[in-house]
Each structure stands twice: as structure tokens, then as C-alpha cells.
Amino acid sequence: MDHKTPAELLEMNKKWAAERLANDSEFFTSLVNVQTPDYLWIGCSDSRVPANEIVGLKSGEMFVHRNIANVVPHSDLNCLSVIQYAVEALEVSHIIVAGHYGCGGIKAAMDRTDHGEIDNWLAHIKDIYRQNYGEISAIDGRDKQADRLCELNVATQVRNVAKTVVVQKAWENGRSLKVHGWVYHLDDGILQDLKVGVDACDQLHTVFQIKNKS
């Protein structure tokens, strides 16, 4: 792999900006004052999964949050703030939780190696692994086991998004908002819908449904 220096990246940025303007003289001015994406993407930080590019969207058409293994913990104020801003300020209609096969975070959560501080983050995935240990262990091959944990992690994070107060209030207010669960194939660039989406409070277990005080 050809590693570029920071100075070279800055030069490449100038070239990129010039190419954008050559194709569309209003490219940047159209983005400055308006951000109206219809989608929030919660994905993995993996550099091989560029969110808006793999779905063919332009700059400004997708709001993006990324972290290791696309986890949505209820204690992560960063992620929760992104969800609140996307739902309440940007008024997105779709929240996409996107995992990917071959995820290093998933594989790390499956082994018993000391990874340092990151193990505190991976504990969220280890819980999913423990809860589904029998099913995953019955699968032949470590890579396929990791693929299944990747899918189960996406499904869990979809529900975690749906459990948030922000999302449930949007539904109570009649908003059309759906949380989707997708997985990305690194080997062919195709996204797969796992069919684990949630678009209403009553699709959650009753203990997670937040009732309006009024």
C-alpha cells in the first residue's frame, strides 16, 4: 500500500476540490448553508466501509456516526447525541445500523486476548456473544461464527437505537422513522438487509416502551 504523508494528503485535497468545482461550480456553495440528509448511518470505523460512497449518495445526503463495531450503548453520550441531533434537528426518516463481515472488533470480542482499554468497549459485544454462545459455537468455522456474531450485533444495536427516548418520542409524535439493520460484504461491496428493522414502539418488549407522561 502506498502510504501518503500528511502534506501529500493536503495536496490531494486541493486536487479533489478543484475536480469538484470543475464538474459543478456550485458544489461547495450548495453545501455551506444546507444540511438536509434523510439518513443517519451508524457504522463501523473500519476504513474499508465509506458510508455515503457505498450507497451512492453525495456529500450532505447522509449523517454519519462511526465507532468500533457499530455499537450503540445506552451510556455513550456521543452516539446518543448524534441520534438526537439526527432525529430532532435534521428530522431524518431512516437510521441505518451497518455492520460488516470481517470486522476486527467482532473478532477481537470473540477471543480471550488482553486488548487493553478497548476490552471495555468490546464487552458490549461479548455480552451478545455470551447470550448466543450455543448458536454461534455450533457453526462450523471461526470466520462463519464471526459473521453470525456480526449479524447478531447489528440486530442488537438496532433495538438499542429503537429503545432510546428520542426515537420513541418521534414515533409517539407520529413521525415516520425506521431503524434498519444492514451488513456489508467486503468481498463484493454489497449491502444486505438483515430484516431486523423496527419502526414502532410496540415492536419492542413492553419493559422498554416509554410511555408519555401526559
Protein backbone atom coordinates (compact mmCIF):
# COMPACT_ATOMS: atom_id res chain seq x y z
CA MET A 1 0.00 0.00 0.00
CA ASP A 2 1.28 3.45 -0.92
CA HIS A 3 1.30 5.48 2.29
CA LYS A 4 0.89 9.22 1.76
CA THR A 5 2.39 11.87 4.00
CA PRO A 6 0.08 14.44 5.64
CA ALA A 7 1.47 17.07 3.26
CA GLU A 8 0.57 14.87 0.29
CA LEU A 9 -2.95 14.47 1.66
CA LEU A 10 -3.35 18.25 1.74
CA GLU A 11 -2.23 18.48 -1.87
CA MET A 12 -4.64 15.70 -2.83
CA ASN A 13 -7.40 17.64 -1.08
CA LYS A 14 -6.71 20.66 -3.27
CA LYS A 15 -6.87 18.45 -6.35
CA TRP A 16 -10.12 16.89 -5.17
CA ALA A 17 -11.69 20.31 -4.50
CA ALA A 18 -10.64 21.56 -7.93
CA GLU A 19 -12.15 18.50 -9.61
CA ARG A 20 -15.45 19.01 -7.76
CA LEU A 21 -15.63 22.61 -8.90
CA ALA A 22 -14.74 21.67 -12.47
CA ASN A 23 -17.72 19.33 -12.54
CA ASP A 24 -20.08 21.60 -10.61
CA SER A 25 -19.24 25.22 -9.88
CA GLU A 26 -21.92 25.31 -7.14
CA PHE A 27 -20.74 22.11 -5.42
CA PHE A 28 -19.47 23.73 -2.21
CA THR A 29 -21.77 26.75 -2.04
CA SER A 30 -24.76 24.40 -2.18
CA LEU A 31 -23.44 22.56 0.89
CA VAL A 32 -22.49 25.51 3.05
CA ASN A 33 -25.89 26.62 4.27
CA VAL A 34 -27.99 23.48 3.97
CA GLN A 35 -27.74 20.03 5.55
CA THR A 36 -30.90 18.01 4.96
CA PRO A 37 -29.97 14.32 4.98
CA ASP A 38 -32.76 11.79 5.20
CA TYR A 39 -30.49 9.13 6.67
CA LEU A 40 -28.40 8.57 9.79
CA TRP A 41 -25.73 5.93 9.31
CA ILE A 42 -24.30 4.24 12.41
CA GLY A 43 -21.41 2.16 11.17
CA CYS A 44 -18.01 0.76 11.98
CA SER A 45 -14.89 2.93 11.97
CA ASP A 46 -13.25 0.47 9.56
CA SER A 47 -11.61 2.46 6.75
CA ARG A 48 -12.87 -0.03 4.16
CA VAL A 49 -16.51 0.96 4.67
CA PRO A 50 -17.03 4.58 3.45
CA ALA A 51 -20.67 5.21 4.35
CA ASN A 52 -22.10 7.54 1.70
CA GLU A 53 -19.94 6.14 -1.12
CA ILE A 54 -21.17 2.54 -0.89
CA VAL A 55 -24.79 3.65 -1.20
CA GLY A 56 -24.11 6.17 -3.96
CA LEU A 57 -25.03 9.30 -2.01
CA LYS A 58 -23.39 12.70 -2.33
CA SER A 59 -21.90 14.85 0.41
CA GLY A 60 -24.64 16.25 2.63
CA GLU A 61 -27.09 13.42 1.92
CA MET A 62 -26.16 11.18 4.88
CA PHE A 63 -25.40 11.99 8.50
CA VAL A 64 -22.73 9.60 9.78
CA HIS A 65 -21.59 8.24 13.13
CA ARG A 66 -18.89 5.59 13.33
CA ASN A 67 -17.23 3.63 16.10
CA ILE A 68 -15.58 0.26 16.56
CA ALA A 69 -18.06 -2.47 15.57
CA ASN A 70 -21.04 -0.06 15.24
CA VAL A 71 -22.15 -0.33 18.87
CA VAL A 72 -24.96 1.78 20.39
CA PRO A 73 -24.56 1.62 24.19
CA HIS A 74 -27.06 3.49 26.32
CA SER A 75 -24.15 5.09 28.18
CA ASP A 76 -22.43 6.54 25.10
CA LEU A 77 -23.35 10.23 25.13
CA ASN A 78 -21.53 10.77 21.85
CA CYS A 79 -23.70 8.30 19.94
CA LEU A 80 -26.87 9.32 21.77
CA SER A 81 -26.22 12.97 20.95
CA VAL A 82 -25.78 12.10 17.28
CA ILE A 83 -29.09 10.22 17.29
CA GLN A 84 -30.87 13.13 19.00
CA TYR A 85 -29.48 15.68 16.54
CA ALA A 86 -30.31 13.48 13.55
CA VAL A 87 -33.89 12.82 14.70
CA GLU A 88 -34.85 16.17 16.22
CA ALA A 89 -32.82 18.72 14.26
CA LEU A 90 -32.25 17.05 10.89
CA GLU A 91 -35.54 15.08 11.03
CA VAL A 92 -34.13 12.01 9.31
CA SER A 93 -36.57 9.31 8.27
CA HIS A 94 -34.16 6.38 8.38
CA ILE A 95 -31.49 5.25 10.83
CA ILE A 96 -29.22 2.56 9.41
CA VAL A 97 -27.09 0.43 11.69
CA ALA A 98 -24.49 -1.13 9.40
CA GLY A 99 -22.02 -3.83 10.36
CA HIS A 100 -19.61 -5.60 8.04
CA TYR A 101 -18.29 -9.11 7.71
CA GLY A 102 -14.62 -9.46 8.61
CA CYS A 103 -14.96 -6.86 11.38
CA GLY A 104 -11.86 -6.72 13.57
CA GLY A 105 -13.89 -5.59 16.58
CA ILE A 106 -16.16 -8.61 16.31
CA LYS A 107 -13.22 -10.99 16.03
CA ALA A 108 -11.46 -9.36 18.98
CA ALA A 109 -14.59 -9.74 21.11
CA MET A 110 -14.59 -13.48 20.37
CA ASP A 111 -11.06 -14.20 21.56
CA ARG A 112 -9.72 -14.17 25.11
CA THR A 113 -6.73 -11.95 24.45
CA ASP A 114 -6.00 -8.88 26.55
CA HIS A 115 -6.57 -5.93 24.19
CA GLY A 116 -6.16 -3.22 26.81
CA GLU A 117 -8.69 -0.42 27.22
CA ILE A 118 -10.63 -1.46 24.13
CA ASP A 119 -11.86 -4.52 26.04
CA ASN A 120 -14.20 -2.21 27.95
CA TRP A 121 -15.85 -1.31 24.65
CA LEU A 122 -15.79 -4.87 23.33
CA ALA A 123 -17.63 -6.02 26.46
CA HIS A 124 -20.87 -4.87 24.78
CA ILE A 125 -20.24 -7.39 22.00
CA LYS A 126 -19.02 -10.08 24.38
CA ASP A 127 -22.41 -9.90 26.10
CA ILE A 128 -24.10 -10.67 22.78
CA TYR A 129 -21.61 -13.49 22.22
CA ARG A 130 -22.40 -14.97 25.64
CA GLN A 131 -26.14 -14.72 25.13
CA ASN A 132 -25.90 -16.57 21.81
CA TYR A 133 -22.89 -18.76 22.59
CA GLY A 134 -24.64 -22.06 21.85
CA GLU A 135 -25.89 -20.98 18.43
CA ILE A 136 -22.58 -19.43 17.41
CA SER A 137 -20.44 -22.32 18.68
CA ALA A 138 -22.49 -24.77 16.64
CA ILE A 139 -21.43 -23.05 13.40
CA ASP A 140 -18.55 -24.71 11.55
CA GLY A 141 -15.57 -22.37 11.12
CA ARG A 142 -14.35 -19.38 13.09
CA ASP A 143 -14.93 -16.90 10.27
CA LYS A 144 -18.55 -18.01 9.86
CA GLN A 145 -19.02 -17.78 13.61
CA ALA A 146 -17.74 -14.21 13.50
CA ASP A 147 -20.10 -13.43 10.61
CA ARG A 148 -23.05 -14.63 12.67
CA LEU A 149 -21.96 -12.57 15.70
CA CYS A 150 -21.69 -9.59 13.35
CA GLU A 151 -25.33 -10.09 12.34
CA LEU A 152 -26.50 -10.56 15.93
CA ASN A 153 -24.60 -7.43 16.95
CA VAL A 154 -26.35 -5.39 14.25
CA ALA A 155 -29.75 -6.72 15.37
CA THR A 156 -28.98 -5.81 18.98
CA GLN A 157 -27.83 -2.30 18.10
CA VAL A 158 -30.96 -1.74 16.00
CA ARG A 159 -33.03 -2.48 19.09
CA ASN A 160 -30.78 -0.27 21.21
CA VAL A 161 -31.46 2.64 18.85
CA ALA A 162 -35.18 1.92 18.99
CA LYS A 163 -35.13 1.89 22.79
CA THR A 164 -33.86 5.46 23.04
CA VAL A 165 -36.20 8.15 24.32
CA VAL A 166 -35.53 10.30 21.27
CA VAL A 167 -36.64 7.66 18.78
CA GLN A 168 -39.68 6.59 20.79
CA LYS A 169 -40.83 10.20 21.20
CA ALA A 170 -40.60 10.62 17.44
CA TRP A 171 -42.89 7.64 16.99
CA GLU A 172 -45.32 8.91 19.62
CA ASN A 173 -45.47 12.19 17.73
CA GLY A 174 -46.44 10.39 14.54
CA ARG A 175 -43.07 10.63 12.81
CA SER A 176 -42.28 8.16 10.05
CA LEU A 177 -38.93 6.83 11.26
CA LYS A 178 -37.46 3.38 10.71
CA VAL A 179 -34.34 1.80 12.15
CA HIS A 180 -32.69 -0.63 9.72
CA GLY A 181 -30.07 -3.34 10.22
CA TRP A 182 -27.67 -3.96 7.33
CA VAL A 183 -24.40 -5.80 6.86
CA TYR A 184 -21.72 -5.02 4.28
CA HIS A 185 -19.79 -7.65 2.31
CA LEU A 186 -16.19 -6.51 1.93
CA ASP A 187 -15.53 -9.08 -0.79
CA ASP A 188 -18.09 -7.77 -3.27
CA GLY A 189 -19.22 -4.37 -1.93
CA ILE A 190 -22.86 -5.43 -1.49
CA LEU A 191 -25.06 -4.40 1.44
CA GLN A 192 -27.54 -6.94 2.80
CA ASP A 193 -30.73 -6.07 4.67
CA LEU A 194 -30.93 -8.38 7.70
CA LYS A 195 -34.69 -7.77 8.03
CA VAL A 196 -34.39 -6.77 11.69
CA GLY A 197 -35.81 -3.26 11.31
CA VAL A 198 -38.00 -1.52 13.88
CA ASP A 199 -40.46 1.31 13.13
CA ALA A 200 -42.83 1.44 16.11
CA CYS A 201 -42.71 1.30 19.92
CA ASP A 202 -44.94 -1.77 20.11
CA GLN A 203 -42.29 -3.82 18.32
CA LEU A 204 -40.15 -3.58 21.47
CA HIS A 205 -40.61 -5.62 24.62
CA THR A 206 -43.02 -3.86 26.95
CA VAL A 207 -40.31 -3.19 29.56
CA PHE A 208 -38.51 -0.92 27.06
CA GLN A 209 -41.56 1.01 25.87
CA ILE A 210 -41.53 4.56 27.18
CA LYS A 211 -44.97 5.92 27.96
CA ASN A 212 -45.78 9.60 27.56
CA LYS A 213 -46.43 11.15 30.98
CA SER A 214 -49.31 13.19 29.60
